[in-house]
N, C-alpha and C. Protein backbone atom coordinates (compact mmCIF):
# COMPACT_ATOMS: atom_id res chain seq x y z
N UNK A 1 0.80 -1.19 0.00
CA UNK A 1 0.00 0.00 0.00
C UNK A 1 0.84 1.25 0.00
N UNK A 2 1.80 1.30 0.87
CA UNK A 2 2.65 2.47 0.94
C UNK A 2 3.93 2.21 0.18
N UNK A 3 4.30 3.17 -0.62
CA UNK A 3 5.53 3.03 -1.38
C UNK A 3 6.53 4.03 -0.83
N UNK A 4 7.28 3.62 0.12
CA UNK A 4 8.33 4.49 0.61
C UNK A 4 9.64 3.79 0.31
N UNK A 5 10.21 4.16 -0.84
CA UNK A 5 11.36 3.43 -1.34
C UNK A 5 12.67 4.19 -1.19
N UNK A 6 12.69 5.20 -0.39
CA UNK A 6 13.91 5.97 -0.18
C UNK A 6 14.20 5.99 1.32
N UNK A 7 15.06 5.08 1.76
CA UNK A 7 15.37 4.96 3.19
C UNK A 7 15.89 6.26 3.78
N UNK A 8 16.73 6.94 3.01
CA UNK A 8 17.32 8.18 3.52
C UNK A 8 16.24 9.24 3.74
N UNK A 9 15.31 9.38 2.78
CA UNK A 9 14.22 10.35 2.92
C UNK A 9 13.38 10.02 4.16
N UNK A 10 13.00 8.77 4.28
CA UNK A 10 12.16 8.35 5.40
C UNK A 10 12.88 8.64 6.72
N UNK A 11 14.13 8.26 6.80
CA UNK A 11 14.90 8.47 8.03
C UNK A 11 15.06 9.93 8.40
N UNK A 12 15.41 10.75 7.43
CA UNK A 12 15.58 12.19 7.70
C UNK A 12 14.26 12.83 8.14
N UNK A 13 13.19 12.43 7.50
CA UNK A 13 11.88 12.98 7.83
C UNK A 13 11.47 12.59 9.24
N UNK A 14 11.69 11.33 9.61
CA UNK A 14 11.35 10.89 10.97
C UNK A 14 12.19 11.65 11.99
N UNK A 15 13.47 11.78 11.71
CA UNK A 15 14.34 12.52 12.65
C UNK A 15 13.88 13.96 12.79
N UNK A 16 13.56 14.59 11.69
CA UNK A 16 13.10 15.98 11.71
C UNK A 16 11.83 16.11 12.55
N UNK A 17 10.87 15.24 12.33
CA UNK A 17 9.62 15.29 13.08
C UNK A 17 9.85 15.01 14.55
N UNK A 18 10.73 14.05 14.85
CA UNK A 18 11.04 13.72 16.24
C UNK A 18 11.65 14.91 16.97
N UNK A 19 12.61 15.55 16.33
CA UNK A 19 13.26 16.69 16.99
C UNK A 19 12.32 17.88 17.09
N UNK A 20 11.42 18.02 16.11
CA UNK A 20 10.44 19.12 16.16
C UNK A 20 9.52 19.02 17.38
N UNK A 21 9.21 17.80 17.80
CA UNK A 21 8.35 17.63 18.98
C UNK A 21 9.15 17.48 20.27
N UNK A 22 10.47 17.53 20.16
CA UNK A 22 11.33 17.52 21.34
C UNK A 22 11.52 16.17 21.99
N UNK A 23 11.42 15.09 21.21
CA UNK A 23 11.66 13.76 21.76
C UNK A 23 13.06 13.28 21.42
N UNK A 24 13.67 12.59 22.36
CA UNK A 24 14.95 11.95 22.08
C UNK A 24 14.68 10.63 21.37
N UNK A 25 15.71 10.03 20.80
CA UNK A 25 15.55 8.71 20.19
C UNK A 25 15.09 7.71 21.24
N UNK A 26 15.64 7.80 22.44
CA UNK A 26 15.27 6.86 23.50
C UNK A 26 13.78 6.99 23.85
N UNK A 27 13.30 8.23 23.95
CA UNK A 27 11.89 8.45 24.30
C UNK A 27 10.95 7.94 23.21
N UNK A 28 11.27 8.26 21.95
CA UNK A 28 10.41 7.84 20.86
C UNK A 28 10.44 6.32 20.68
N UNK A 29 11.62 5.75 20.75
CA UNK A 29 11.72 4.30 20.57
C UNK A 29 10.94 3.56 21.66
N UNK A 30 10.96 4.07 22.87
CA UNK A 30 10.20 3.45 23.95
C UNK A 30 8.70 3.54 23.69
N UNK A 31 8.25 4.69 23.19
CA UNK A 31 6.83 4.89 22.93
C UNK A 31 6.29 3.96 21.84
N UNK A 32 7.14 3.59 20.88
CA UNK A 32 6.67 2.73 19.79
C UNK A 32 7.08 1.27 19.96
N UNK A 33 7.79 0.97 21.04
CA UNK A 33 8.17 -0.42 21.30
C UNK A 33 9.28 -0.92 20.39
N UNK A 34 10.24 -0.07 20.14
CA UNK A 34 11.35 -0.39 19.25
C UNK A 34 12.65 -0.10 20.00
N UNK A 35 13.71 -0.78 19.66
CA UNK A 35 14.98 -0.46 20.31
C UNK A 35 15.50 0.87 19.78
N UNK A 36 16.27 1.53 20.61
CA UNK A 36 16.87 2.80 20.20
C UNK A 36 17.80 2.60 19.00
N UNK A 37 18.49 1.46 18.97
CA UNK A 37 19.39 1.16 17.85
C UNK A 37 18.60 1.06 16.54
N UNK A 38 17.43 0.39 16.56
CA UNK A 38 16.61 0.31 15.35
C UNK A 38 16.17 1.68 14.88
N UNK A 39 15.73 2.52 15.82
CA UNK A 39 15.31 3.87 15.46
C UNK A 39 16.48 4.65 14.88
N UNK A 40 17.65 4.50 15.47
CA UNK A 40 18.84 5.16 14.94
C UNK A 40 19.14 4.70 13.52
N UNK A 41 19.03 3.39 13.28
CA UNK A 41 19.27 2.86 11.93
C UNK A 41 18.25 3.41 10.93
N UNK A 42 17.02 3.55 11.36
CA UNK A 42 15.99 4.11 10.49
C UNK A 42 16.31 5.57 10.18
N UNK A 43 16.62 6.34 11.19
CA UNK A 43 16.91 7.76 10.99
C UNK A 43 18.16 7.98 10.14
N UNK A 44 19.09 7.05 10.18
CA UNK A 44 20.29 7.18 9.36
C UNK A 44 20.11 6.60 7.96
N UNK A 45 18.91 6.09 7.67
CA UNK A 45 18.62 5.58 6.34
C UNK A 45 19.18 4.20 6.08
N UNK A 46 19.43 3.44 7.13
CA UNK A 46 19.99 2.10 6.98
C UNK A 46 18.92 1.01 6.89
N UNK A 47 17.73 1.32 7.38
CA UNK A 47 16.64 0.36 7.32
C UNK A 47 15.31 1.11 7.32
N UNK A 48 14.28 0.41 6.88
CA UNK A 48 12.93 0.94 6.91
C UNK A 48 12.25 0.54 8.22
N UNK A 49 11.33 1.36 8.68
CA UNK A 49 10.52 0.90 9.81
C UNK A 49 9.51 -0.12 9.31
N UNK A 50 9.16 -1.07 10.16
CA UNK A 50 8.05 -1.96 9.83
C UNK A 50 6.80 -1.10 9.72
N UNK A 51 5.86 -1.53 8.93
CA UNK A 51 4.67 -0.70 8.68
C UNK A 51 3.93 -0.36 9.96
N UNK A 52 3.77 -1.33 10.87
CA UNK A 52 3.07 -1.02 12.11
C UNK A 52 3.86 -0.01 12.95
N UNK A 53 5.18 -0.10 12.93
CA UNK A 53 6.02 0.88 13.65
C UNK A 53 5.92 2.24 12.99
N UNK A 54 5.88 2.25 11.66
CA UNK A 54 5.76 3.49 10.91
C UNK A 54 4.45 4.20 11.28
N UNK A 55 3.36 3.45 11.33
CA UNK A 55 2.07 4.04 11.67
C UNK A 55 2.04 4.52 13.12
N UNK A 56 2.69 3.79 14.02
CA UNK A 56 2.78 4.24 15.41
C UNK A 56 3.59 5.53 15.49
N UNK A 57 4.69 5.60 14.72
CA UNK A 57 5.50 6.82 14.68
C UNK A 57 4.65 8.01 14.27
N UNK A 58 3.91 7.83 13.19
CA UNK A 58 3.07 8.92 12.70
C UNK A 58 2.05 9.34 13.74
N UNK A 59 1.47 8.37 14.42
CA UNK A 59 0.48 8.67 15.44
C UNK A 59 1.11 9.46 16.58
N UNK A 60 2.24 9.02 17.07
CA UNK A 60 2.92 9.70 18.18
C UNK A 60 3.39 11.10 17.77
N UNK A 61 3.86 11.21 16.53
CA UNK A 61 4.35 12.50 16.04
C UNK A 61 3.22 13.38 15.51
N UNK A 62 1.98 12.86 15.58
CA UNK A 62 0.78 13.58 15.16
C UNK A 62 0.87 14.08 13.71
N UNK A 63 1.24 13.14 12.83
CA UNK A 63 1.40 13.45 11.42
C UNK A 63 0.63 12.42 10.61
N UNK A 64 -0.11 12.88 9.61
CA UNK A 64 -0.82 11.93 8.74
C UNK A 64 0.15 11.38 7.71
N UNK A 65 -0.26 10.30 7.08
CA UNK A 65 0.57 9.70 6.04
C UNK A 65 0.83 10.70 4.92
N UNK A 66 -0.22 11.41 4.51
CA UNK A 66 -0.04 12.37 3.41
C UNK A 66 0.84 13.54 3.84
N UNK A 67 0.74 13.97 5.08
CA UNK A 67 1.61 15.03 5.57
C UNK A 67 3.07 14.58 5.61
N UNK A 68 3.27 13.31 5.88
CA UNK A 68 4.63 12.77 5.93
C UNK A 68 5.31 12.87 4.57
N UNK A 69 4.52 12.82 3.51
CA UNK A 69 5.10 12.94 2.18
C UNK A 69 5.35 11.62 1.50
N UNK A 70 4.72 10.57 2.01
CA UNK A 70 4.89 9.26 1.43
C UNK A 70 3.98 9.15 0.22
N UNK A 71 4.52 8.59 -0.87
CA UNK A 71 3.70 8.37 -2.05
C UNK A 71 2.77 7.20 -1.79
N UNK A 72 1.53 7.38 -2.17
CA UNK A 72 0.53 6.34 -1.97
C UNK A 72 -0.02 5.96 -3.33
N UNK A 73 -0.23 4.67 -3.53
CA UNK A 73 -0.75 4.20 -4.81
C UNK A 73 -1.99 4.99 -5.15
N UNK A 74 -2.04 5.46 -6.35
CA UNK A 74 -3.07 6.28 -6.98
C UNK A 74 -3.25 7.66 -6.34
N UNK A 75 -2.45 7.98 -5.35
CA UNK A 75 -2.41 9.31 -4.75
C UNK A 75 -3.79 9.87 -4.40
N UNK A 76 -4.73 9.03 -4.11
CA UNK A 76 -6.07 9.54 -3.80
C UNK A 76 -6.59 9.01 -2.48
N UNK A 77 -5.73 8.92 -1.50
CA UNK A 77 -6.18 8.43 -0.21
C UNK A 77 -6.90 9.56 0.53
N UNK A 78 -8.02 9.25 1.06
CA UNK A 78 -8.77 10.22 1.84
C UNK A 78 -8.43 10.04 3.31
N UNK A 79 -8.85 11.00 4.10
CA UNK A 79 -8.62 10.90 5.55
C UNK A 79 -9.30 9.65 6.10
N UNK A 80 -10.50 9.38 5.60
CA UNK A 80 -11.24 8.21 6.06
C UNK A 80 -10.51 6.92 5.74
N UNK A 81 -9.99 6.81 4.51
CA UNK A 81 -9.23 5.62 4.12
C UNK A 81 -7.98 5.49 4.98
N UNK A 82 -7.33 6.59 5.23
CA UNK A 82 -6.11 6.58 6.04
C UNK A 82 -6.41 6.06 7.45
N UNK A 83 -7.51 6.50 8.03
CA UNK A 83 -7.89 6.05 9.37
C UNK A 83 -8.20 4.55 9.37
N UNK A 84 -8.90 4.09 8.32
CA UNK A 84 -9.21 2.66 8.23
C UNK A 84 -7.93 1.85 8.11
N UNK A 85 -6.99 2.31 7.28
CA UNK A 85 -5.72 1.60 7.12
C UNK A 85 -4.96 1.54 8.44
N UNK A 86 -4.94 2.63 9.18
CA UNK A 86 -4.26 2.64 10.47
C UNK A 86 -4.89 1.62 11.41
N UNK A 87 -6.23 1.61 11.44
CA UNK A 87 -6.93 0.66 12.31
C UNK A 87 -6.56 -0.77 11.96
N UNK A 88 -6.52 -1.07 10.67
CA UNK A 88 -6.21 -2.43 10.23
C UNK A 88 -4.78 -2.80 10.59
N UNK A 89 -3.83 -1.92 10.31
CA UNK A 89 -2.44 -2.25 10.55
C UNK A 89 -2.07 -2.29 12.02
N UNK A 90 -2.85 -1.64 12.87
CA UNK A 90 -2.57 -1.66 14.30
C UNK A 90 -3.45 -2.66 15.04
N UNK A 91 -4.27 -3.40 14.28
CA UNK A 91 -5.24 -4.32 14.88
C UNK A 91 -4.58 -5.56 15.47
N UNK A 92 -5.26 -6.10 16.47
CA UNK A 92 -4.85 -7.39 17.03
C UNK A 92 -5.29 -8.48 16.07
N UNK A 93 -4.84 -9.71 16.30
CA UNK A 93 -5.25 -10.83 15.45
C UNK A 93 -6.75 -11.05 15.49
N UNK A 94 -7.36 -10.88 16.64
CA UNK A 94 -8.81 -11.03 16.77
C UNK A 94 -9.53 -9.97 15.94
N UNK A 95 -9.05 -8.74 16.03
CA UNK A 95 -9.66 -7.66 15.24
C UNK A 95 -9.46 -7.89 13.75
N UNK A 96 -8.29 -8.39 13.36
CA UNK A 96 -8.05 -8.69 11.94
C UNK A 96 -9.00 -9.74 11.41
N UNK A 97 -9.27 -10.75 12.23
CA UNK A 97 -10.24 -11.78 11.83
C UNK A 97 -11.62 -11.15 11.60
N UNK A 98 -12.01 -10.26 12.50
CA UNK A 98 -13.32 -9.60 12.36
C UNK A 98 -13.34 -8.73 11.11
N UNK A 99 -12.28 -7.95 10.87
CA UNK A 99 -12.22 -7.12 9.66
C UNK A 99 -12.31 -7.98 8.41
N UNK A 100 -11.62 -9.10 8.43
CA UNK A 100 -11.63 -10.00 7.28
C UNK A 100 -13.05 -10.51 7.01
N UNK A 101 -13.75 -10.88 8.05
CA UNK A 101 -15.13 -11.36 7.89
C UNK A 101 -16.03 -10.26 7.34
N UNK A 102 -15.86 -9.05 7.84
CA UNK A 102 -16.65 -7.91 7.35
C UNK A 102 -16.39 -7.66 5.88
N UNK A 103 -15.14 -7.71 5.48
CA UNK A 103 -14.78 -7.48 4.07
C UNK A 103 -15.41 -8.56 3.19
N UNK A 104 -15.37 -9.81 3.64
CA UNK A 104 -15.99 -10.89 2.86
C UNK A 104 -17.49 -10.66 2.70
N UNK A 105 -18.15 -10.24 3.76
CA UNK A 105 -19.59 -9.96 3.69
C UNK A 105 -19.88 -8.85 2.70
N UNK A 106 -19.10 -7.78 2.76
CA UNK A 106 -19.29 -6.65 1.85
C UNK A 106 -19.07 -7.07 0.40
N UNK A 107 -18.04 -7.87 0.15
CA UNK A 107 -17.77 -8.33 -1.21
C UNK A 107 -18.93 -9.18 -1.72
N UNK A 108 -19.51 -10.01 -0.87
CA UNK A 108 -20.65 -10.84 -1.27
C UNK A 108 -21.88 -9.99 -1.57
N UNK A 109 -22.08 -8.91 -0.86
CA UNK A 109 -23.21 -8.01 -1.10
C UNK A 109 -23.08 -7.37 -2.47
N UNK A 110 -21.85 -7.01 -2.84
CA UNK A 110 -21.62 -6.30 -4.11
C UNK A 110 -21.59 -7.22 -5.32
N UNK A 111 -21.75 -8.52 -5.13
CA UNK A 111 -21.72 -9.45 -6.27
C UNK A 111 -23.03 -9.53 -6.97
């Protein structure tokens, strides 16, 4: 869904947003459940954040996906779609099962 193919861009942007809100790497990494070393590697452009970590970062930094500057397939994501995607990617396994069942029901209605 998200095409963020420039590790350096992603890392610099995360670092910029983190420093803008006055969080240290240690503070932010603790809030998202990631090691400080992983966050450092992301900020230095050595690795990508996992999607669930990326969405947690955006939530903590109070930034939407579109504000972050990430290219999204077809570039037409609405705020509502973005919220739904966040809910799905941050969902527990039980919630994912429920979402899956709902999607199947909706697809059957539209047939």
